[in-house]
C-alpha atoms as a PDB file:
ATOM      1  CA  MET A   1       0.203   0.215   0.057  1.00  0.00           C
ATOM      2  CA  ARG A   2       2.977   2.648   1.159  1.00  0.00           C
ATOM      3  CA  SER A   3       4.779   1.762  -2.185  1.00  0.00           C
ATOM      4  CA  GLU A   4       1.821   2.088  -4.326  1.00  0.00           C
ATOM      5  CA  PHE A   5       1.037   5.679  -2.776  1.00  0.00           C
ATOM      6  CA  LYS A   6       4.247   6.931  -2.934  1.00  0.00           C
ATOM      7  CA  ARG A   7       5.007   5.975  -6.397  1.00  0.00           C
ATOM      8  CA  ILE A   8       1.555   8.472  -7.106  1.00  0.00           C
ATOM      9  CA  LEU A   9       2.521  11.132  -5.380  1.00  0.00           C
ATOM     10  CA  ILE A  10       5.986  11.079  -7.388  1.00  0.00           C
ATOM     11  CA  LYS A  11       3.439  10.742 -10.079  1.00  0.00           C
ATOM     12  CA  TYR A  12       1.900  14.156  -9.128  1.00  0.00           C
ATOM     13  CA  GLY A  13       4.648  16.474  -8.263  1.00  0.00           C
ATOM     14  CA  PHE A  14       6.155  15.097  -4.607  1.00  0.00           C
ATOM     15  CA  THR A  15       9.731  14.754  -3.721  1.00  0.00           C
ATOM     16  CA  PRO A  16      10.574  11.349  -3.057  1.00  0.00           C
ATOM     17  CA  GLU A  17      11.218  12.515   0.976  1.00  0.00           C
ATOM     18  CA  LYS A  18       7.897  13.761   0.567  1.00  0.00           C
ATOM     19  CA  ALA A  19       5.966  11.306  -0.946  1.00  0.00           C
ATOM     20  CA  ASP A  20       7.330   8.624   1.428  1.00  0.00           C
ATOM     21  CA  LYS A  21       6.464  10.732   4.730  1.00  0.00           C
ATOM     22  CA  CYS A  22       2.927  11.582   3.216  1.00  0.00           C
ATOM     23  CA  ALA A  23       2.344   7.848   1.656  1.00  0.00           C
ATOM     24  CA  ASP A  24       3.465   6.170   5.447  1.00  0.00           C
ATOM     25  CA  ILE A  25       1.081   8.633   6.874  1.00  0.00           C
ATOM     26  CA  PHE A  26      -2.569   7.523   4.627  1.00  0.00           C
ATOM     27  CA  THR A  27      -1.384   4.070   5.474  1.00  0.00           C
ATOM     28  CA  ARG A  28      -0.766   4.072   8.660  1.00  0.00           C
ATOM     29  CA  ASN A  29      -4.125   5.588   9.672  1.00  0.00           C
ATOM     30  CA  SER A  30      -5.877   2.230   7.213  1.00  0.00           C
ATOM     31  CA  LEU A  31      -3.535  -0.170   9.147  1.00  0.00           C
ATOM     32  CA  GLU A  32      -4.611   1.871  12.283  1.00  0.00           C
ATOM     33  CA  GLY A  33      -8.439   1.336  11.490  1.00  0.00           C
ATOM     34  CA  VAL A  34      -9.187   4.924  10.474  1.00  0.00           C
ATOM     35  CA  TYR A  35     -10.076   3.494   7.054  1.00  0.00           C
ATOM     36  CA  SER A  36     -12.039   6.750   6.331  1.00  0.00           C
ATOM     37  CA  HIS A  37      -9.103   8.850   6.010  1.00  0.00           C
ATOM     38  CA  GLY A  38      -6.731   5.863   4.668  1.00  0.00           C
ATOM     39  CA  ALA A  39      -6.868   4.432   1.655  1.00  0.00           C
ATOM     40  CA  ASN A  40     -10.438   5.411   1.038  1.00  0.00           C
ATOM     41  CA  ARG A  41      -9.367   9.020   1.226  1.00  0.00           C
ATOM     42  CA  PHE A  42      -6.463   8.581  -1.502  1.00  0.00           C
ATOM     43  CA  HIS A  43      -8.530   9.150  -4.275  1.00  0.00           C
ATOM     44  CA  ARG A  44     -10.414  12.791  -3.313  1.00  0.00           C
ATOM     45  CA  PHE A  45      -6.360  13.389  -2.230  1.00  0.00           C
ATOM     46  CA  VAL A  46      -4.854  12.942  -5.852  1.00  0.00           C
ATOM     47  CA  SER A  47      -8.095  14.560  -7.164  1.00  0.00           C
ATOM     48  CA  ASN A  48      -7.202  17.835  -5.043  1.00  0.00           C
ATOM     49  CA  ILE A  49      -3.646  17.753  -6.396  1.00  0.00           C
ATOM     50  CA  LYS A  50      -5.113  17.776  -9.490  1.00  0.00           C
ATOM     51  CA  ASP A  51      -7.185  20.742  -9.620  1.00  0.00           C
ATOM     52  CA  GLY A  52      -4.408  22.928  -7.810  1.00  0.00           C
ATOM     53  CA  TYR A  53      -5.739  22.323  -4.310  1.00  0.00           C
ATOM     54  CA  ILE A  54      -2.751  20.951  -2.725  1.00  0.00           C
ATOM     55  CA  LYS A  55       0.410  21.983  -3.570  1.00  0.00           C
ATOM     56  CA  PRO A  56       2.787  19.138  -4.002  1.00  0.00           C
ATOM     57  CA  ASP A  57       5.894  21.784  -3.146  1.00  0.00           C
ATOM     58  CA  ALA A  58       4.565  23.845  -0.793  1.00  0.00           C
ATOM     59  CA  GLU A  59       6.608  24.846   2.090  1.00  0.00           C
ATOM     60  CA  PRO A  60       4.779  26.381   5.532  1.00  0.00           C
ATOM     61  CA  THR A  61       6.520  30.007   6.026  1.00  0.00           C
ATOM     62  CA  MET A  62       6.765  31.231   9.610  1.00  0.00           C
ATOM     63  CA  ILE A  63       4.402  35.027   9.721  1.00  0.00           C
ATOM     64  CA  HIS A  64       4.828  35.835  13.186  1.00  0.00           C
ATOM     65  CA  THR A  65       6.404  34.278  16.617  1.00  0.00           C
ATOM     66  CA  THR A  66       6.476  35.818  20.244  1.00  0.00           C
ATOM     67  CA  GLY A  67       7.759  33.366  22.795  1.00  0.00           C
ATOM     68  CA  SER A  68       5.770  30.354  22.809  1.00  0.00           C
ATOM     69  CA  LEU A  69       3.988  31.056  20.137  1.00  0.00           C
ATOM     70  CA  GLU A  70       4.338  30.890  15.951  1.00  0.00           C
ATOM     71  CA  GLN A  71       1.736  31.611  13.762  1.00  0.00           C
ATOM     72  CA  TRP A  72       2.648  29.324  10.245  1.00  0.00           C
ATOM     73  CA  ASP A  73       1.292  29.474   6.716  1.00  0.00           C
ATOM     74  CA  GLY A  74       0.404  26.346   4.952  1.00  0.00           C
ATOM     75  CA  ASN A  75       0.702  27.653   1.775  1.00  0.00           C
ATOM     76  CA  LEU A  76      -1.344  25.341   0.894  1.00  0.00           C
ATOM     77  CA  GLY A  77       0.931  22.225   1.232  1.00  0.00           C
ATOM     78  CA  PRO A  78      -0.194  18.458   1.589  1.00  0.00           C
ATOM     79  CA  GLY A  79      -2.244  18.749   4.946  1.00  0.00           C
ATOM     80  CA  PRO A  80      -0.912  16.206   6.351  1.00  0.00           C
ATOM     81  CA  LEU A  81       2.761  17.135   5.717  1.00  0.00           C
ATOM     82  CA  ASN A  82       1.876  20.531   7.350  1.00  0.00           C
ATOM     83  CA  ALA A  83       0.204  19.371  10.312  1.00  0.00           C
ATOM     84  CA  SER A  84       3.570  17.010  11.028  1.00  0.00           C
ATOM     85  CA  PHE A  85       5.335  19.938  10.145  1.00  0.00           C
ATOM     86  CA  ALA A  86       4.047  21.802  12.519  1.00  0.00           C
ATOM     87  CA  THR A  87       3.512  19.125  15.574  1.00  0.00           C
ATOM     88  CA  ASP A  88       7.390  19.226  15.541  1.00  0.00           C
ATOM     89  CA  ARG A  89       7.924  23.107  16.012  1.00  0.00           C
ATOM     90  CA  VAL A  90       5.180  22.751  18.683  1.00  0.00           C
ATOM     91  CA  MET A  91       7.222  20.244  20.551  1.00  0.00           C
ATOM     92  CA  GLU A  92      10.224  21.983  20.116  1.00  0.00           C
ATOM     93  CA  LEU A  93       8.061  25.626  21.747  1.00  0.00           C
ATOM     94  CA  ALA A  94       7.093  22.590  24.295  1.00  0.00           C
ATOM     95  CA  HIS A  95      10.874  21.901  24.884  1.00  0.00           C
ATOM     96  CA  GLU A  96      12.138  25.221  25.188  1.00  0.00           C
ATOM     97  CA  ASN A  97       8.955  26.942  27.296  1.00  0.00           C
ATOM     98  CA  GLY A  98       7.119  24.050  28.710  1.00  0.00           C
ATOM     99  CA  ILE A  99       4.640  24.483  26.796  1.00  0.00           C
ATOM    100  CA  GLY A 100       3.595  26.217  23.161  1.00  0.00           C
ATOM    101  CA  LEU A 101       1.531  26.764  20.082  1.00  0.00           C
ATOM    102  CA  VAL A 102       1.362  27.163  16.857  1.00  0.00           C
ATOM    103  CA  ALA A 103      -1.312  28.099  14.753  1.00  0.00           C
ATOM    104  CA  LEU A 104      -1.853  27.140  11.336  1.00  0.00           C
ATOM    105  CA  ALA A 105      -3.251  29.171   8.563  1.00  0.00           C
ATOM    106  CA  ASN A 106      -4.254  28.877   4.821  1.00  0.00           C
ATOM    107  CA  THR A 107      -3.232  24.568   5.124  1.00  0.00           C
ATOM    108  CA  ASN A 108      -5.912  22.111   3.511  1.00  0.00           C
ATOM    109  CA  HIS A 109      -7.231  19.005   5.283  1.00  0.00           C
ATOM    110  CA  TRP A 110      -5.311  16.889   7.592  1.00  0.00           C
ATOM    111  CA  MET A 111      -6.480  13.338   7.201  1.00  0.00           C
ATOM    112  CA  ARG A 112      -6.287  11.511  11.236  1.00  0.00           C
ATOM    113  CA  GLY A 113      -6.420  14.314  13.390  1.00  0.00           C
ATOM    114  CA  GLY A 114      -4.635  11.066  15.580  1.00  0.00           C
ATOM    115  CA  THR A 115      -1.967  10.405  13.583  1.00  0.00           C
ATOM    116  CA  TYR A 116      -1.039  14.072  15.801  1.00  0.00           C
ATOM    117  CA  GLY A 117      -1.608  13.243  18.881  1.00  0.00           C
ATOM    118  CA  TRP A 118       0.475   9.387  18.665  1.00  0.00           C
ATOM    119  CA  GLN A 119       3.448  11.431  17.274  1.00  0.00           C
ATOM    120  CA  ALA A 120       3.587  14.168  20.326  1.00  0.00           C
ATOM    121  CA  ALA A 121       2.833  11.421  22.807  1.00  0.00           C
ATOM    122  CA  GLY A 122       5.408   9.275  21.284  1.00  0.00           C
ATOM    123  CA  LYS A 123       7.911  12.113  22.199  1.00  0.00           C
ATOM    124  CA  GLY A 124       6.835  12.341  25.498  1.00  0.00           C
ATOM    125  CA  CYS A 125       4.710  15.291  24.956  1.00  0.00           C
ATOM    126  CA  VAL A 126       0.776  16.311  25.394  1.00  0.00           C
ATOM    127  CA  PHE A 127      -1.429  16.985  22.490  1.00  0.00           C
ATOM    128  CA  ILE A 128      -3.758  19.419  22.065  1.00  0.00           C
ATOM    129  CA  GLY A 129      -5.277  19.925  18.569  1.00  0.00           C
ATOM    130  CA  TRP A 130      -7.917  21.455  16.026  1.00  0.00           C
ATOM    131  CA  THR A 131      -8.917  21.857  12.598  1.00  0.00           C
ATOM    132  CA  ASN A 132     -11.906  24.138  10.940  1.00  0.00           C
ATOM    133  CA  THR A 133     -13.587  22.582   7.936  1.00  0.00           C
ATOM    134  CA  GLU A 134     -16.387  23.736   5.362  1.00  0.00           C
ATOM    135  CA  ALA A 135     -19.812  24.499   7.023  1.00  0.00           C
ATOM    136  CA  ASN A 136     -20.504  20.289   6.932  1.00  0.00           C
ATOM    137  CA  MET A 137     -22.951  20.626  10.509  1.00  0.00           C
ATOM    138  CA  PRO A 138     -26.033  22.803  11.426  1.00  0.00           C
ATOM    139  CA  ALA A 139     -26.439  25.042  14.178  1.00  0.00           C
ATOM    140  CA  TRP A 140     -29.118  23.445  17.161  1.00  0.00           C
ATOM    141  CA  GLY A 141     -32.536  24.484  16.400  1.00  0.00           C
ATOM    142  CA  ALA A 142     -31.384  24.864  12.309  1.00  0.00           C
ATOM    143  CA  LYS A 143     -31.614  23.083   9.233  1.00  0.00           C
ATOM    144  CA  ASP A 144     -28.825  24.401   7.222  1.00  0.00           C
ATOM    145  CA  PRO A 145     -25.415  23.586   7.640  1.00  0.00           C
ATOM    146  CA  ARG A 146     -23.336  26.709   9.007  1.00  0.00           C
ATOM    147  CA  LEU A 147     -20.572  25.154  11.453  1.00  0.00           C
ATOM    148  CA  GLY A 148     -18.020  22.758  10.345  1.00  0.00           C
ATOM    149  CA  ASN A 149     -17.682  19.336  12.142  1.00  0.00           C
ATOM    150  CA  ASN A 150     -13.561  20.375  13.838  1.00  0.00           C
ATOM    151  CA  PRO A 151     -12.277  17.666  14.172  1.00  0.00           C
ATOM    152  CA  LEU A 152     -10.430  17.694  18.003  1.00  0.00           C
ATOM    153  CA  VAL A 153      -7.403  16.241  19.476  1.00  0.00           C
ATOM    154  CA  PHE A 154      -6.213  15.351  23.365  1.00  0.00           C
ATOM    155  CA  ALA A 155      -2.912  12.911  23.097  1.00  0.00           C
ATOM    156  CA  VAL A 156      -1.225  11.747  27.069  1.00  0.00           C
ATOM    157  CA  PRO A 157       2.329   9.253  27.032  1.00  0.00           C
ATOM    158  CA  PHE A 158       1.291   6.462  28.186  1.00  0.00           C
ATOM    159  CA  ASP A 159       2.624   3.565  29.390  1.00  0.00           C
ATOM    160  CA  ASN A 160       5.298   3.553  26.207  1.00  0.00           C
ATOM    161  CA  LYS A 161       1.810   4.412  23.928  1.00  0.00           C
ATOM    162  CA  ALA A 162      -0.682   6.849  24.728  1.00  0.00           C
ATOM    163  CA  ILE A 163      -4.286   7.622  25.349  1.00  0.00           C
ATOM    164  CA  VAL A 164      -5.751   9.517  22.449  1.00  0.00           C
ATOM    165  CA  LEU A 165      -9.333  10.974  21.815  1.00  0.00           C
ATOM    166  CA  ASP A 166      -9.798  11.803  18.079  1.00  0.00           C
ATOM    167  CA  PHE A 167     -13.860  13.098  17.696  1.00  0.00           C
ATOM    168  CA  ALA A 168     -15.306  15.328  14.848  1.00  0.00           C
ATOM    169  CA  MET A 169     -17.629  18.208  16.775  1.00  0.00           C
ATOM    170  CA  SER A 170     -20.264  15.675  14.436  1.00  0.00           C
ATOM    171  CA  GLN A 171     -21.498  12.824  15.700  1.00  0.00           C
ATOM    172  CA  TYR A 172     -19.888  10.653  13.259  1.00  0.00           C
ATOM    173  CA  SER A 173     -18.021  11.744  10.800  1.00  0.00           C
ATOM    174  CA  TYR A 174     -18.635  12.533   7.207  1.00  0.00           C
ATOM    175  CA  GLY A 175     -15.599   9.776   6.190  1.00  0.00           C
ATOM    176  CA  LYS A 176     -16.820   6.805   8.583  1.00  0.00           C
ATOM    177  CA  MET A 177     -20.578   7.955   7.244  1.00  0.00           C
ATOM    178  CA  GLU A 178     -19.513   6.739   3.719  1.00  0.00           C
ATOM    179  CA  LEU A 179     -17.582   4.276   5.071  1.00  0.00           C
ATOM    180  CA  TYR A 180     -20.854   2.426   6.657  1.00  0.00           C
ATOM    181  CA  LYS A 181     -23.077   4.036   2.945  1.00  0.00           C
ATOM    182  CA  LEU A 182     -19.428   1.808   1.342  1.00  0.00           C
ATOM    183  CA  GLU A 183     -20.720  -1.294   3.222  1.00  0.00           C
ATOM    184  CA  GLY A 184     -24.767  -1.020   2.985  1.00  0.00           C
ATOM    185  CA  LYS A 185     -24.793  -0.974   6.877  1.00  0.00           C
ATOM    186  CA  LYS A 186     -26.803   1.532   9.365  1.00  0.00           C
ATOM    187  CA  LEU A 187     -25.261   3.346  12.175  1.00  0.00           C
ATOM    188  CA  PRO A 188     -24.850   2.002  15.441  1.00  0.00           C
ATOM    189  CA  PHE A 189     -26.845   5.299  16.812  1.00  0.00           C
ATOM    190  CA  PRO A 190     -28.647   8.314  14.893  1.00  0.00           C
ATOM    191  CA  GLY A 191     -25.820  10.124  13.672  1.00  0.00           C
ATOM    192  CA  GLY A 192     -27.989  12.822  11.841  1.00  0.00           C
ATOM    193  CA  PHE A 193     -31.326  14.374  10.539  1.00  0.00           C
ATOM    194  CA  ASN A 194     -33.147  12.871   7.075  1.00  0.00           C
ATOM    195  CA  LYS A 195     -35.669  15.082   4.461  1.00  0.00           C
ATOM    196  CA  THR A 196     -38.834  14.435   6.756  1.00  0.00           C
ATOM    197  CA  GLY A 197     -37.155  16.165   9.700  1.00  0.00           C
ATOM    198  CA  LYS A 198     -36.145  12.912  11.203  1.00  0.00           C
ATOM    199  CA  LEU A 199     -33.202  11.528  13.787  1.00  0.00           C
ATOM    200  CA  THR A 200     -31.977   8.602  11.327  1.00  0.00           C
ATOM    201  CA  THR A 201     -29.412   5.879  11.695  1.00  0.00           C
ATOM    202  CA  ASP A 202     -29.327   5.575   7.819  1.00  0.00           C
ATOM    203  CA  PRO A 203     -26.136   7.409   6.550  1.00  0.00           C
ATOM    204  CA  ASN A 204     -27.255   7.920   2.965  1.00  0.00           C
ATOM    205  CA  GLY A 205     -30.483  10.243   4.278  1.00  0.00           C
ATOM    206  CA  ILE A 206     -27.835  12.698   6.405  1.00  0.00           C
ATOM    207  CA  LEU A 207     -25.078  12.591   3.623  1.00  0.00           C
ATOM    208  CA  GLU A 208     -28.241  13.698   1.545  1.00  0.00           C
ATOM    209  CA  THR A 209     -29.429  16.617   3.586  1.00  0.00           C
ATOM    210  CA  ARG A 210     -25.978  17.246   5.422  1.00  0.00           C
ATOM    211  CA  ARG A 211     -27.935  17.889   9.104  1.00  0.00           C
ATOM    212  CA  THR A 212     -25.404  15.532  11.347  1.00  0.00           C
ATOM    213  CA  LEU A 213     -26.026  15.858  14.874  1.00  0.00           C
ATOM    214  CA  PRO A 214     -24.014  17.461  17.297  1.00  0.00           C
ATOM    215  CA  VAL A 215     -22.339  15.543  19.736  1.00  0.00           C
ATOM    216  CA  GLY A 216     -24.265  16.538  23.072  1.00  0.00           C
ATOM    217  CA  TYR A 217     -26.268  18.792  20.914  1.00  0.00           C
ATOM    218  CA  TRP A 218     -25.964  22.374  22.068  1.00  0.00           C
ATOM    219  CA  LYS A 219     -23.014  21.793  23.378  1.00  0.00           C
ATOM    220  CA  GLY A 220     -21.664  19.816  20.453  1.00  0.00           C
ATOM    221  CA  ALA A 221     -22.850  22.940  18.460  1.00  0.00           C
ATOM    222  CA  GLY A 222     -21.949  25.422  20.906  1.00  0.00           C
ATOM    223  CA  LEU A 223     -17.402  24.088  21.275  1.00  0.00           C
ATOM    224  CA  SER A 224     -18.173  23.632  17.268  1.00  0.00           C
ATOM    225  CA  LEU A 225     -18.043  27.139  16.976  1.00  0.00           C
ATOM    226  CA  ILE A 226     -15.559  28.599  20.111  1.00  0.00           C
ATOM    227  CA  LEU A 227     -13.263  26.228  17.762  1.00  0.00           C
ATOM    228  CA  ASP A 228     -13.601  27.794  14.690  1.00  0.00           C
ATOM    229  CA  ILE A 229     -13.260  31.354  16.153  1.00  0.00           C
ATOM    230  CA  LEU A 230      -9.881  30.547  17.764  1.00  0.00           C
ATOM    231  CA  ALA A 231      -8.823  28.429  14.569  1.00  0.00           C
ATOM    232  CA  ALA A 232      -9.028  30.876  12.355  1.00  0.00           C
ATOM    233  CA  VAL A 233      -7.756  34.346  15.447  1.00  0.00           C
ATOM    234  CA  LEU A 234      -5.007  32.830  15.745  1.00  0.00           C
ATOM    235  CA  SER A 235      -3.314  32.015  12.549  1.00  0.00           C
ATOM    236  CA  GLY A 236      -4.993  34.608  11.314  1.00  0.00           C
ATOM    237  CA  GLY A 237      -6.448  32.477   8.431  1.00  0.00           C
ATOM    238  CA  PHE A 238     -10.205  31.798   6.832  1.00  0.00           C
ATOM    239  CA  SER A 239     -13.167  30.267   8.706  1.00  0.00           C
ATOM    240  CA  THR A 240     -15.162  28.150   7.996  1.00  0.00           C
ATOM    241  CA  GLY A 241     -17.823  30.649   6.767  1.00  0.00           C
ATOM    242  CA  GLU A 242     -15.109  31.419   4.274  1.00  0.00           C
ATOM    243  CA  ILE A 243     -14.070  28.476   3.596  1.00  0.00           C
ATOM    244  CA  THR A 244     -17.414  27.307   2.582  1.00  0.00           C
ATOM    245  CA  ALA A 245     -17.389  30.136   0.373  1.00  0.00           C
ATOM    246  CA  ARG A 246     -15.108  28.617  -1.616  1.00  0.00           C
ATOM    247  CA  LYS A 247     -17.129  26.302  -2.495  1.00  0.00           C
ATOM    248  CA  VAL A 248     -13.902  23.533  -2.029  1.00  0.00           C
ATOM    249  CA  GLU A 249     -12.794  22.577   1.077  1.00  0.00           C
ATOM    250  CA  TYR A 250      -9.215  23.892   0.977  1.00  0.00           C
ATOM    251  CA  GLY A 251      -7.557  26.977   2.755  1.00  0.00           C
ATOM    252  CA  LEU A 252      -8.030  25.322   6.126  1.00  0.00           C
ATOM    253  CA  SER A 253      -7.322  27.267   9.736  1.00  0.00           C
ATOM    254  CA  GLN A 254      -5.489  24.342  12.406  1.00  0.00           C
ATOM    255  CA  VAL A 255      -4.303  24.730  15.853  1.00  0.00           C
ATOM    256  CA  PHE A 256      -1.211  22.818  17.936  1.00  0.00           C
ATOM    257  CA  ILE A 257      -0.530  22.627  21.744  1.00  0.00           C
ATOM    258  CA  ALA A 258       2.220  20.579  23.492  1.00  0.00           C
ATOM    259  CA  ILE A 259       3.098  20.759  26.666  1.00  0.00           C
ATOM    260  CA  ASN A 260       6.417  19.624  28.325  1.00  0.00           C
ATOM    261  CA  LEU A 261       5.208  16.970  30.944  1.00  0.00           C
ATOM    262  CA  LYS A 262       8.892  16.797  31.998  1.00  0.00           C
ATOM    263  CA  SER A 263       8.774  20.587  32.985  1.00  0.00           C
ATOM    264  CA  LEU A 264       6.400  20.204  35.332  1.00  0.00           C
ATOM    265  CA  HIS A 265       7.052  19.719  39.437  1.00  0.00           C
ATOM    266  CA  ASN A 266       5.552  16.356  39.491  1.00  0.00           C
ATOM    267  CA  TYR A 267       6.613  14.749  37.342  1.00  0.00           C
ATOM    268  CA  PRO A 268       8.337  11.658  38.563  1.00  0.00           C
ATOM    269  CA  GLY A 269       4.547  10.489  39.706  1.00  0.00           C
ATOM    270  CA  VAL A 270       3.000  11.790  36.612  1.00  0.00           C
ATOM    271  CA  GLU A 271       3.331   7.961  34.996  1.00  0.00           C
ATOM    272  CA  LYS A 272       1.854   6.837  38.638  1.00  0.00           C
ATOM    273  CA  THR A 273      -0.728   9.294  38.580  1.00  0.00           C
ATOM    274  CA  ILE A 274      -2.237   7.936  35.329  1.00  0.00           C
ATOM    275  CA  HIS A 275      -1.861   4.056  36.040  1.00  0.00           C
ATOM    276  CA  ARG A 276      -3.868   5.132  39.057  1.00  0.00           C
ATOM    277  CA  ILE A 277      -6.766   6.883  37.406  1.00  0.00           C
ATOM    278  CA  ILE A 278      -7.444   4.015  34.224  1.00  0.00           C
ATOM    279  CA  ARG A 279      -6.776   1.689  36.841  1.00  0.00           C
ATOM    280  CA  SER A 280     -10.153   2.567  37.891  1.00  0.00           C
ATOM    281  CA  PHE A 281     -11.868   3.518  34.907  1.00  0.00           C
ATOM    282  CA  LYS A 282     -11.387  -0.340  33.494  1.00  0.00           C
ATOM    283  CA  GLU A 283     -12.687  -1.383  37.200  1.00  0.00           C
ATOM    284  CA  SER A 284     -15.479  -0.251  35.051  1.00  0.00           C
ATOM    285  CA  GLU A 285     -19.128  -2.391  35.352  1.00  0.00           C
ATOM    286  CA  PRO A 286     -19.642  -3.020  31.235  1.00  0.00           C
ATOM    287  CA  VAL A 287     -23.424  -3.437  31.163  1.00  0.00           C
ATOM    288  CA  ASP A 288     -22.623  -6.425  29.293  1.00  0.00           C
ATOM    289  CA  ASN A 289     -20.269  -9.504  29.058  1.00  0.00           C
ATOM    290  CA  LYS A 290     -19.702  -8.732  25.493  1.00  0.00           C
ATOM    291  CA  THR A 291     -18.967  -5.350  26.006  1.00  0.00           C
ATOM    292  CA  GLU A 292     -15.269  -4.349  26.837  1.00  0.00           C
ATOM    293  CA  ILE A 293     -14.604  -1.074  28.695  1.00  0.00           C
ATOM    294  CA  ARG A 294     -11.706   1.234  26.761  1.00  0.00           C
ATOM    295  CA  TYR A 295      -9.385   3.465  26.903  1.00  0.00           C
ATOM    296  CA  PRO A 296      -9.480   6.289  23.465  1.00  0.00           C
ATOM    297  CA  GLY A 297      -6.391   4.541  21.452  1.00  0.00           C
ATOM    298  CA  GLU A 298      -6.367   1.438  23.180  1.00  0.00           C
ATOM    299  CA  ASN A 299      -7.997  -0.033  20.159  1.00  0.00           C
ATOM    300  CA  ILE A 300      -6.013   1.373  17.461  1.00  0.00           C
ATOM    301  CA  ILE A 301      -3.165  -0.472  19.238  1.00  0.00           C
ATOM    302  CA  LYS A 302      -5.396  -3.777  18.814  1.00  0.00           C
ATOM    303  CA  THR A 303      -6.337  -3.095  15.259  1.00  0.00           C
ATOM    304  CA  ARG A 304      -2.482  -2.019  14.365  1.00  0.00           C
ATOM    305  CA  THR A 305      -1.272  -5.335  15.310  1.00  0.00           C
ATOM    306  CA  GLU A 306      -3.725  -6.953  14.251  1.00  0.00           C
ATOM    307  CA  ASN A 307      -3.404  -5.852  10.689  1.00  0.00           C
ATOM    308  CA  LEU A 308       0.536  -6.094  11.087  1.00  0.00           C
ATOM    309  CA  ARG A 309      -0.242 -10.182  11.056  1.00  0.00           C
ATOM    310  CA  ILE A 310      -3.274 -10.537   8.391  1.00  0.00           C
ATOM    311  CA  GLY A 311      -2.948  -7.106   6.450  1.00  0.00           C
ATOM    312  CA  ILE A 312      -4.828  -4.479   5.389  1.00  0.00           C
ATOM    313  CA  PRO A 313      -9.027  -4.721   4.728  1.00  0.00           C
ATOM    314  CA  VAL A 314      -9.278  -2.716   1.820  1.00  0.00           C
ATOM    315  CA  ASN A 315     -12.211  -2.159  -0.780  1.00  0.00           C
ATOM    316  CA  SER A 316     -11.360  -3.584  -3.158  1.00  0.00           C
ATOM    317  CA  GLU A 317     -13.262  -0.605  -5.529  1.00  0.00           C
ATOM    318  CA  ILE A 318     -11.475   1.545  -3.610  1.00  0.00           C
ATOM    319  CA  TRP A 319      -8.410  -0.338  -4.787  1.00  0.00           C
ATOM    320  CA  LYS A 320      -9.106  -0.700  -8.313  1.00  0.00           C
ATOM    321  CA  LYS A 321      -9.261   3.245  -8.566  1.00  0.00           C
ATOM    322  CA  ILE A 322      -6.376   4.114  -6.524  1.00  0.00           C
ATOM    323  CA  LEU A 323      -4.620   1.857  -9.178  1.00  0.00           C
ATOM    324  CA  THR A 324      -5.486   3.493 -12.192  1.00  0.00           C
ATOM    325  CA  LEU A 325      -4.227   6.837 -10.561  1.00  0.00           C
END
């Protein structure tokens, strides 16, 4: 999978080094079970390159710096590469100052936000990051989409791995709903409204209306709004409304925050504290004997191990499309 992705990206103007890194991110997303932002998304990523919305040779440039806060222009470079760069840079700031913030304007879809949480946690940093998107979710009580589903990521190093919470402001991301549609399945829980205004588990009806259900109802809608405001203000970039007016989702605004745990006075006891919290969490009584109590990111580790052993499941039609690129 990685070699095919790399071959295609080089054909579309990536240097071998950039192609290798970007191909690795897409492959790892599928390897770890996030197929909606791995192989399933790759064809659309290439289409955006061909249409000129993603610039393969673009590099981020510094706009402004003050202490532990920096503003960068992504120059419409590949979203995964810009986000990986911003994560590395914000960790450098955190190691210098204890905490760092990088705000990135004019970038593209970062694919799986959790990628950057794992990247930072693997280097011993707490990570908080989010992105805005085009309008694809209505405000609570509204019919038309004016909010983005603005994915938000938290990551904490844990036991040589990580606890990584990565979620969109809609109950299901569009990528996840497209996956359920592709597999001909219903959503496990209602994910939005159909054209009659009823909550539904049918992904087709929700994709048609674009009336996704905000997580926590009005709370998720409010959180989406504040994340968009902060992303646009901190980066000096475009808001969800401005991105939507372009008719194609590009030129996004993103925020990356890292905290160096070693800078804390209680650092020697941090791992014990997290272990104690997780142990208590795991002692929860499940609703039935089929339910496993898992912390965020725990299933990623299990899926990664299984897919390395038996191979990555890929939809045959999607793979055929990729091979024709």
